[in-house]
Protein backbone atom coordinates (compact mmCIF):
# COMPACT_ATOMS: atom_id res chain seq x y z
CA MET A 1 36.62 11.94 24.73
CA ALA A 2 38.31 10.44 21.68
CA ALA A 3 36.54 7.14 22.29
CA ALA A 4 33.17 8.90 22.50
CA LEU A 5 33.81 10.73 19.24
CA PHE A 6 34.80 7.45 17.61
CA LEU A 7 31.55 5.80 18.72
CA LEU A 8 29.51 8.73 17.42
CA ALA A 9 31.27 8.54 14.06
CA LEU A 10 30.72 4.80 13.92
CA ALA A 11 27.01 5.22 14.66
CA ALA A 12 26.69 7.86 11.96
CA ALA A 13 28.29 5.54 9.42
CA SER A 14 26.22 2.50 10.41
CA PRO A 15 23.41 1.14 8.21
CA GLN A 16 20.92 2.29 10.87
CA ALA A 17 21.84 5.96 10.35
CA VAL A 18 19.83 8.08 7.91
CA ASP A 19 20.63 11.65 6.96
CA ASP A 20 17.23 13.34 7.18
CA ALA A 21 18.44 16.31 5.15
CA LYS A 22 19.47 14.01 2.32
CA VAL A 23 16.12 12.21 2.48
CA ASP A 24 14.25 15.52 2.27
CA GLN A 25 16.39 16.68 -0.64
CA ALA A 26 15.88 13.39 -2.49
CA ILE A 27 12.10 13.68 -2.05
CA LYS A 28 12.14 17.30 -3.23
CA LYS A 29 14.12 16.40 -6.36
CA GLY A 30 11.82 13.46 -7.02
CA VAL A 31 8.73 15.64 -6.86
CA GLU A 32 10.26 18.20 -9.21
CA PHE A 33 10.97 15.43 -11.69
CA LEU A 34 7.39 14.17 -11.43
CA ARG A 35 5.94 17.60 -12.16
CA THR A 36 6.98 17.31 -15.80
CA ALA A 37 7.43 13.55 -16.11
CA LYS A 38 5.39 11.49 -18.54
CA SER A 39 2.35 9.70 -17.17
CA PRO A 40 2.55 6.27 -18.83
CA ASP A 41 -0.17 3.63 -18.96
CA PHE A 42 -0.23 1.11 -16.12
CA HIS A 43 -1.40 -1.53 -18.56
CA THR A 44 -3.35 -1.71 -21.79
CA GLY A 45 -6.36 0.54 -21.36
CA TYR A 46 -5.07 2.29 -18.22
CA ARG A 47 -4.47 5.58 -20.07
CA ASN A 48 -2.03 7.16 -17.57
CA SER A 49 -0.39 7.07 -14.15
CA ASP A 50 -1.94 10.29 -12.84
CA VAL A 51 -3.38 8.68 -9.71
CA LEU A 52 -0.02 7.18 -8.71
CA ILE A 53 1.63 10.58 -9.14
CA LEU A 54 -1.18 12.17 -7.09
CA TRP A 55 -0.69 9.58 -4.33
CA THR A 56 2.99 10.45 -4.28
CA PHE A 57 2.31 14.20 -4.17
CA ILE A 58 -0.03 13.73 -1.21
CA HIS A 59 2.67 12.01 0.83
CA ALA A 60 5.47 14.26 -0.36
CA GLY A 61 3.65 17.22 1.17
CA VAL A 62 2.65 19.01 -2.04
CA PRO A 63 -0.09 21.51 -1.05
CA GLN A 64 -3.60 20.72 -2.25
CA ASP A 65 -3.88 24.19 -3.81
CA ASP A 66 -0.79 23.55 -5.92
CA PRO A 67 -1.84 23.82 -9.61
CA LYS A 68 -0.30 20.47 -10.54
CA PHE A 69 -1.93 18.77 -7.54
CA LYS A 70 -5.32 20.23 -8.49
CA SER A 71 -5.01 19.22 -12.14
CA LEU A 72 -4.10 15.66 -11.16
CA LEU A 73 -7.02 15.41 -8.74
CA ASP A 74 -9.47 16.79 -11.29
CA ALA A 75 -8.23 14.36 -13.92
CA CYS A 76 -8.48 11.37 -11.56
CA MET A 77 -11.99 12.31 -10.43
CA SER A 78 -13.19 12.57 -14.02
CA GLU A 79 -11.98 9.14 -15.11
CA PRO A 80 -14.29 6.10 -15.11
CA LEU A 81 -13.85 3.42 -12.46
CA ASP A 82 -12.60 0.62 -14.65
CA LYS A 83 -9.22 -0.72 -13.49
CA THR A 84 -8.21 -2.30 -10.18
CA TYR A 85 -4.90 -0.50 -9.65
CA LYS A 86 -6.32 2.93 -10.40
CA VAL A 87 -9.55 2.50 -8.45
CA SER A 88 -7.62 1.26 -5.41
CA LEU A 89 -5.20 4.18 -5.58
CA LEU A 90 -8.06 6.65 -6.08
CA ALA A 91 -9.78 5.40 -2.93
CA MET A 92 -6.48 5.74 -1.08
CA CYS A 93 -5.97 9.30 -2.35
CA LEU A 94 -9.46 10.48 -1.49
CA GLU A 95 -9.43 8.87 1.96
CA GLU A 96 -6.16 10.64 2.66
CA ILE A 97 -7.34 14.03 1.35
CA ASP A 98 -10.77 14.10 3.00
CA ARG A 99 -12.62 10.88 3.72
CA VAL A 100 -15.87 12.66 4.64
CA LYS A 101 -16.02 15.04 1.68
CA TYR A 102 -15.25 12.24 -0.78
CA GLN A 103 -17.04 9.41 1.01
CA GLU A 104 -19.49 8.78 -1.83
CA LYS A 105 -16.74 8.44 -4.43
CA ILE A 106 -14.74 6.22 -2.08
CA ALA A 107 -17.81 4.02 -1.58
CA GLN A 108 -18.19 3.75 -5.35
CA CYS A 109 -14.58 2.59 -5.48
CA GLY A 110 -15.53 0.02 -2.85
CA GLN A 111 -18.40 -1.20 -5.01
CA PHE A 112 -16.04 -1.62 -7.94
CA LEU A 113 -13.57 -3.63 -5.87
CA VAL A 114 -16.25 -5.86 -4.36
CA ASP A 115 -17.82 -6.57 -7.74
CA ASN A 116 -14.45 -7.29 -9.34
CA GLN A 117 -13.26 -9.87 -6.84
CA CYS A 118 -12.48 -13.08 -8.70
CA LYS A 119 -14.19 -16.34 -7.81
CA ASN A 120 -11.01 -17.64 -6.17
CA GLY A 121 -10.57 -14.52 -4.00
CA GLN A 122 -8.03 -12.69 -6.15
CA TRP A 123 -8.40 -9.58 -8.29
CA ASN A 124 -7.32 -9.09 -11.89
CA TYR A 125 -7.00 -5.86 -13.87
CA GLY A 126 -10.72 -5.28 -13.52
CA SER A 127 -13.65 -4.06 -15.60
CA PRO A 128 -16.40 -1.48 -15.02
CA THR A 129 -19.41 -2.32 -12.88
CA GLU A 130 -22.67 -0.56 -13.56
CA TYR A 131 -23.54 -0.75 -9.87
CA ALA A 132 -20.86 1.71 -8.76
CA LYS A 133 -22.82 4.74 -9.95
CA GLU A 134 -25.83 3.61 -7.89
CA VAL A 135 -23.94 3.99 -4.60
CA LYS A 136 -25.07 7.19 -2.93
CA VAL A 137 -24.38 8.78 0.44
CA PRO A 138 -27.28 10.69 2.02
CA ASN A 139 -26.68 14.26 3.09
CA ALA A 140 -24.55 14.12 6.20
CA PRO A 141 -25.47 16.09 9.32
CA LYS A 142 -23.42 19.23 9.84
CA PRO A 143 -20.23 18.34 11.75
CA VAL A 144 -19.49 19.91 15.11
CA ALA A 145 -16.18 21.69 15.62
CA SER A 146 -13.63 19.64 17.54
CA ALA A 147 -12.75 20.59 21.08
CA GLU A 148 -9.09 20.82 20.12
CA GLY A 149 -9.91 23.33 17.44
CA LYS A 150 -8.01 21.30 14.83
CA GLY A 151 -9.01 20.58 11.28
CA GLY A 152 -10.52 23.96 10.53
CA PRO A 153 -13.95 25.39 11.38
CA GLY A 154 -16.78 22.89 11.54
CA VAL A 155 -14.53 19.84 11.29
CA THR A 156 -14.51 17.16 13.97
CA LEU A 157 -11.40 15.02 14.08
CA ALA A 158 -11.22 11.36 14.99
CA LYS A 159 -8.43 9.80 17.05
CA ASP A 160 -6.35 9.23 13.92
CA GLY A 161 -6.35 12.96 13.18
CA LYS A 162 -8.66 12.69 10.18
CA PRO A 163 -12.19 14.06 9.74
CA LYS A 164 -14.57 12.07 11.91
CA ILE A 165 -16.82 9.66 10.03
CA LEU A 166 -20.37 10.94 10.26
CA GLN A 167 -22.15 7.94 8.80
CA HIS A 168 -21.51 4.54 7.29
CA VAL A 169 -22.48 3.52 3.80
CA ALA A 170 -22.79 -0.12 2.80
CA VAL A 171 -21.88 -1.83 -0.45
CA LYS A 172 -22.75 -5.41 -1.34
CA LYS A 173 -21.52 -7.74 -4.05
CA MET A 174 -23.75 -7.37 -7.08
CA LYS A 175 -21.91 -9.42 -9.70
CA GLU A 176 -19.35 -12.19 -10.07
CA GLY A 177 -15.82 -11.47 -11.15
CA PRO A 178 -13.73 -13.72 -13.42
CA ASP A 179 -12.33 -17.05 -12.30
CA ASN A 180 -8.90 -15.83 -11.17
CA GLY A 181 -6.49 -12.92 -11.14
CA ASP A 182 -2.98 -12.17 -9.90
CA ASN A 183 -1.29 -11.25 -6.64
CA SER A 184 -0.14 -7.84 -7.82
CA ASN A 185 -3.64 -6.53 -8.48
CA SER A 186 -4.80 -8.40 -5.37
CA GLN A 187 -2.40 -6.64 -3.01
CA TYR A 188 -3.49 -3.23 -4.35
CA ALA A 189 -7.13 -4.23 -3.99
CA ALA A 190 -6.41 -4.83 -0.30
CA LEU A 191 -4.98 -1.33 0.02
CA GLY A 192 -8.04 0.12 -1.70
CA LEU A 193 -10.42 -1.84 0.52
CA ARG A 194 -8.54 -0.63 3.59
CA ALA A 195 -9.08 2.97 2.43
CA CYS A 196 -12.80 2.30 1.93
CA TYR A 197 -13.05 0.65 5.32
CA ASP A 198 -11.30 3.58 7.01
CA ALA A 199 -13.69 5.95 5.25
CA GLY A 200 -16.72 4.30 6.88
CA VAL A 201 -17.69 2.01 4.01
CA THR A 202 -19.34 -1.21 5.19
CA LEU A 203 -17.95 -4.11 3.17
CA PRO A 204 -19.26 -7.68 2.77
CA GLU A 205 -17.46 -9.95 5.22
CA GLY A 206 -17.57 -12.74 2.65
CA VAL A 207 -15.38 -10.75 0.27
CA ILE A 208 -12.73 -10.31 2.96
CA LEU A 209 -12.85 -13.94 4.07
CA LEU A 210 -12.53 -15.17 0.48
CA ALA A 211 -9.51 -12.89 -0.04
CA VAL A 212 -7.91 -14.27 3.12
CA LYS A 213 -8.55 -17.82 1.95
CA TRP A 214 -6.80 -17.11 -1.34
CA TRP A 215 -3.68 -15.64 0.28
CA ARG A 216 -3.47 -18.51 2.76
CA ASP A 217 -4.08 -21.28 0.24
CA SER A 218 -1.59 -19.88 -2.28
CA GLN A 219 1.32 -19.42 0.13
CA PHE A 220 4.19 -21.87 -0.37
CA LYS A 221 7.83 -22.38 0.54
CA ASP A 222 10.68 -21.80 -1.84
CA PRO A 223 11.50 -25.21 -3.37
CA LYS A 224 15.00 -24.00 -4.26
CA LYS A 225 15.99 -23.35 -0.66
CA ASP A 226 16.84 -25.72 2.16
CA GLU A 227 14.47 -24.31 4.77
CA LYS A 228 16.31 -25.72 7.79
CA LYS A 229 19.63 -24.24 6.67
CA ALA A 230 17.95 -20.95 5.81
CA VAL A 231 16.32 -20.69 9.21
CA ALA A 232 19.57 -21.58 10.93
CA SER A 233 21.25 -18.69 9.13
CA ALA A 234 18.59 -16.26 10.36
CA PRO A 235 18.44 -16.74 14.13
CA GLY A 236 15.47 -15.44 16.04
CA ILE A 237 12.74 -16.71 13.75
CA SER A 238 10.55 -19.74 14.26
CA GLY A 239 7.80 -21.46 12.35
CA LYS A 240 7.29 -21.80 8.63
CA VAL A 241 9.12 -19.83 5.95
CA GLU A 242 6.61 -19.33 3.13
CA GLY A 243 5.98 -16.67 0.53
CA TRP A 244 4.12 -15.88 -2.68
CA ASN A 245 4.72 -15.45 -6.37
CA TYR A 246 2.58 -13.69 -8.99
CA LYS A 247 -0.05 -16.42 -9.26
CA ASP A 248 0.33 -19.50 -7.06
CA GLU A 249 2.27 -22.74 -6.74
CA ASN A 250 -0.09 -24.62 -9.04
CA THR A 251 -0.26 -22.21 -11.99
CA GLN A 252 3.41 -21.16 -11.76
CA PRO A 253 5.23 -24.22 -10.39
CA ASP A 254 8.53 -23.03 -11.89
CA LYS A 255 8.24 -19.59 -10.26
CA PRO A 256 9.29 -19.68 -6.59
CA PRO A 257 8.13 -17.07 -4.10
CA TYR A 258 9.82 -13.73 -4.56
CA HIS A 259 10.25 -10.47 -2.70
CA ALA A 260 7.64 -8.15 -4.19
CA MET A 261 4.77 -10.63 -4.04
CA THR A 262 5.69 -11.86 -0.56
CA ALA A 263 5.81 -8.31 0.81
CA GLY A 264 2.46 -7.68 -0.85
CA GLY A 265 0.97 -10.84 0.62
CA VAL A 266 2.08 -9.94 4.14
CA GLY A 267 0.60 -6.46 3.82
CA ALA A 268 -2.70 -7.74 2.42
CA LEU A 269 -3.18 -10.37 5.14
CA VAL A 270 -2.39 -7.85 7.88
CA ILE A 271 -4.99 -5.47 6.43
CA TYR A 272 -7.61 -8.21 6.38
CA ASP A 273 -6.77 -9.26 9.95
CA TYR A 274 -7.28 -5.62 10.93
CA MET A 275 -10.71 -5.59 9.30
CA LEU A 276 -11.66 -8.89 10.89
CA ASP A 277 -10.42 -7.71 14.30
CA ARG A 278 -7.76 -10.42 14.46
CA LYS A 279 -4.28 -10.16 15.97
CA TRP A 280 -2.09 -10.24 12.89
CA LYS A 281 1.12 -10.78 14.86
CA ASP A 282 -0.37 -14.11 15.97
CA ASP A 283 -1.37 -15.07 12.42
CA SER A 284 0.84 -18.01 11.38
CA TYR A 285 0.47 -17.14 7.68
CA VAL A 286 1.57 -13.56 8.27
CA LYS A 287 4.51 -14.75 10.36
CA ALA A 288 5.50 -17.26 7.67
CA GLY A 289 5.60 -14.41 5.15
CA VAL A 290 7.65 -12.20 7.46
CA ASN A 291 9.98 -15.17 8.03
CA TRP A 292 10.42 -15.51 4.26
CA LEU A 293 11.32 -11.82 3.98
CA THR A 294 13.77 -12.30 6.87
CA VAL A 295 15.50 -15.37 5.45
CA HIS A 296 15.64 -13.84 1.96
CA TYR A 297 16.24 -10.28 3.13
CA GLN A 298 17.47 -7.94 0.41
CA ILE A 299 17.44 -4.25 -0.33
CA GLN A 300 17.13 -3.88 -4.08
CA ALA A 301 17.44 -0.22 -5.05
CA TRP A 302 16.55 -1.13 -8.64
CA ASN A 303 13.32 -2.82 -7.53
CA THR A 304 11.30 0.12 -6.23
CA TYR A 305 8.00 -1.75 -6.60
CA TYR A 306 9.31 -4.25 -4.06
CA LEU A 307 10.77 -1.59 -1.76
CA TYR A 308 7.43 0.19 -1.51
CA GLY A 309 5.83 -3.20 -0.80
CA LEU A 310 8.42 -3.84 1.92
CA GLU A 311 7.68 -0.44 3.45
CA ARG A 312 3.97 -1.27 3.55
CA ALA A 313 4.48 -4.76 4.97
CA ALA A 314 6.81 -3.57 7.72
CA ILE A 315 4.70 -0.60 8.80
CA LEU A 316 1.41 -2.48 8.64
CA PHE A 317 2.89 -5.39 10.60
CA GLY A 318 4.49 -2.93 13.00
CA THR A 319 8.24 -3.51 12.91
CA GLU A 320 11.31 -1.36 12.40
CA LYS A 321 13.48 -4.40 11.74
CA ILE A 322 13.32 -7.36 9.38
CA GLY A 323 15.44 -9.88 11.23
CA ASP A 324 18.52 -7.93 12.31
CA HIS A 325 18.11 -5.34 9.57
CA PHE A 326 16.79 -1.81 9.95
CA TRP A 327 14.87 -1.94 6.69
CA TYR A 328 14.13 1.78 6.39
CA ALA A 329 17.64 3.03 6.95
CA GLU A 330 19.15 0.50 4.57
CA GLY A 331 16.52 1.15 1.92
CA ALA A 332 16.69 4.93 2.24
CA ASN A 333 20.48 4.99 1.96
CA ALA A 334 20.35 2.71 -1.09
CA LEU A 335 17.71 4.87 -2.80
CA ILE A 336 19.55 8.12 -2.11
CA ALA A 337 22.66 6.64 -3.69
CA ALA A 338 20.68 5.42 -6.73
CA GLN A 339 18.85 8.67 -7.52
CA HIS A 340 19.69 10.25 -10.87
CA GLU A 341 20.80 13.84 -11.26
CA ASP A 342 17.40 14.86 -12.68
CA GLY A 343 15.66 13.58 -9.53
CA SER A 344 14.36 10.36 -11.03
CA TRP A 345 14.97 6.72 -10.21
CA GLY A 346 15.15 3.67 -12.47
CA LYS A 347 15.01 3.53 -16.23
CA ASP A 348 12.45 3.00 -18.95
CA THR A 349 12.06 -0.67 -19.85
CA GLU A 350 9.40 -2.92 -21.30
CA TRP A 351 7.86 -3.44 -17.86
CA PHE A 352 8.82 -0.34 -15.89
CA ASN A 353 9.66 3.34 -16.26
CA THR A 354 11.19 6.27 -14.42
CA THR A 355 7.80 7.71 -13.41
CA TRP A 356 6.75 4.62 -11.47
CA ASP A 357 10.23 4.09 -10.04
CA THR A 358 10.32 7.68 -8.82
CA CYS A 359 6.86 7.46 -7.26
CA PHE A 360 7.66 4.23 -5.41
CA SER A 361 11.01 5.62 -4.23
CA VAL A 362 9.46 8.80 -2.84
CA LEU A 363 6.71 6.80 -1.13
CA PHE A 364 9.32 4.59 0.53
CA LEU A 365 11.41 7.56 1.65
CA ARG A 366 8.34 9.28 3.09
CA ARG A 367 7.22 6.12 4.93
CA ALA A 368 3.90 6.78 3.29
CA THR A 369 1.92 3.90 4.79
CA ARG A 370 -0.27 4.75 7.76
CA ALA A 371 -0.08 2.27 10.61
CA LEU A 372 -3.19 0.30 11.53
CA VAL A 373 -4.70 1.65 14.73
CA ALA A 374 -7.91 0.82 16.52
CA SER A 375 -10.50 3.53 15.96
CA GLU A 376 -14.18 3.98 16.54
CA ASP A 377 -14.30 5.51 13.07
CA LYS A 378 -13.20 2.50 11.11
CA GLY A 379 -15.67 0.77 8.86
CA LYS A 380 -17.72 -2.34 9.39
CA LEU A 381 -18.11 -5.74 7.79
CA LYS A 382 -21.54 -7.11 7.01
CA LYS A 383 -22.30 -10.81 7.01
């Protein structure tokens, strides 16, 4: 009996154990902080972070009739489509709220992302495209109530539990983007395109293939690490160990791959494999990125941007472990310990602030990323 109790206590204290009550309380405190937190600019000209806060509220379970939720949604819907981060997040929010009701706006986000792809396959901060407003969705036929009776009257649900796509709407590339961008905007563009795709928006296959080419061509190994020794210290992995930095090996030769960009690269390539109907677990470039995250595994409670990227990469790839590490349990325990008394995370600096840190922390704790599943309702690619 004593031995059994000892084993139970040991399991509870292990890195794999997560106190769900503490997670829920941390999320609740984070949301309360965000209700009155400042909404700082993402970047020059971004105006605010309302859409990131809205994305966090959606996954934290804030009701859609909540006054703060409604004011954030109204504000986001009224803003012009002019920046990559915000347009991507808006598409993600609307697809999560109701992909049929907001299909036209989501498709307009898709047009923006397609038109803003750089010539090398990346995305930069973005600029408005006059073609977005021309995207229209014809009146959809009246939906038939689902047999299960879920989703409210007159709503048919697809296998993923969301409103069934009633029609597809196509966007095509109407203008050239700039020469190049960065891997931070590019990974969020992939998330936005995934939301469009899942909302029944038909995207140009060439845009996806060019994005894949960029991520593959720009992947490189860490020149500061002895790869053979690193692999030997992380048993169970095979193949290349390669990651990404903010730009690429040629434009930033002194900047080795690092955690946030490598997690983002893995997530983006998995999304594109999903769209192209490829097996991402057999993709050598994806595996090289996962190997990099394994060899260089870290949980950095101060780096919430990376932790949310790690959450996305792991869930999209489909793994509960990075190497021998249970990434969620270790990350959740670190974040709970790092939360401030007022419910926030992080601190205000030149490059980051408590609003973003709190959003990314809550999104990690909520495991906000939806896994990629085969569905007859997903979008299409057009050659």
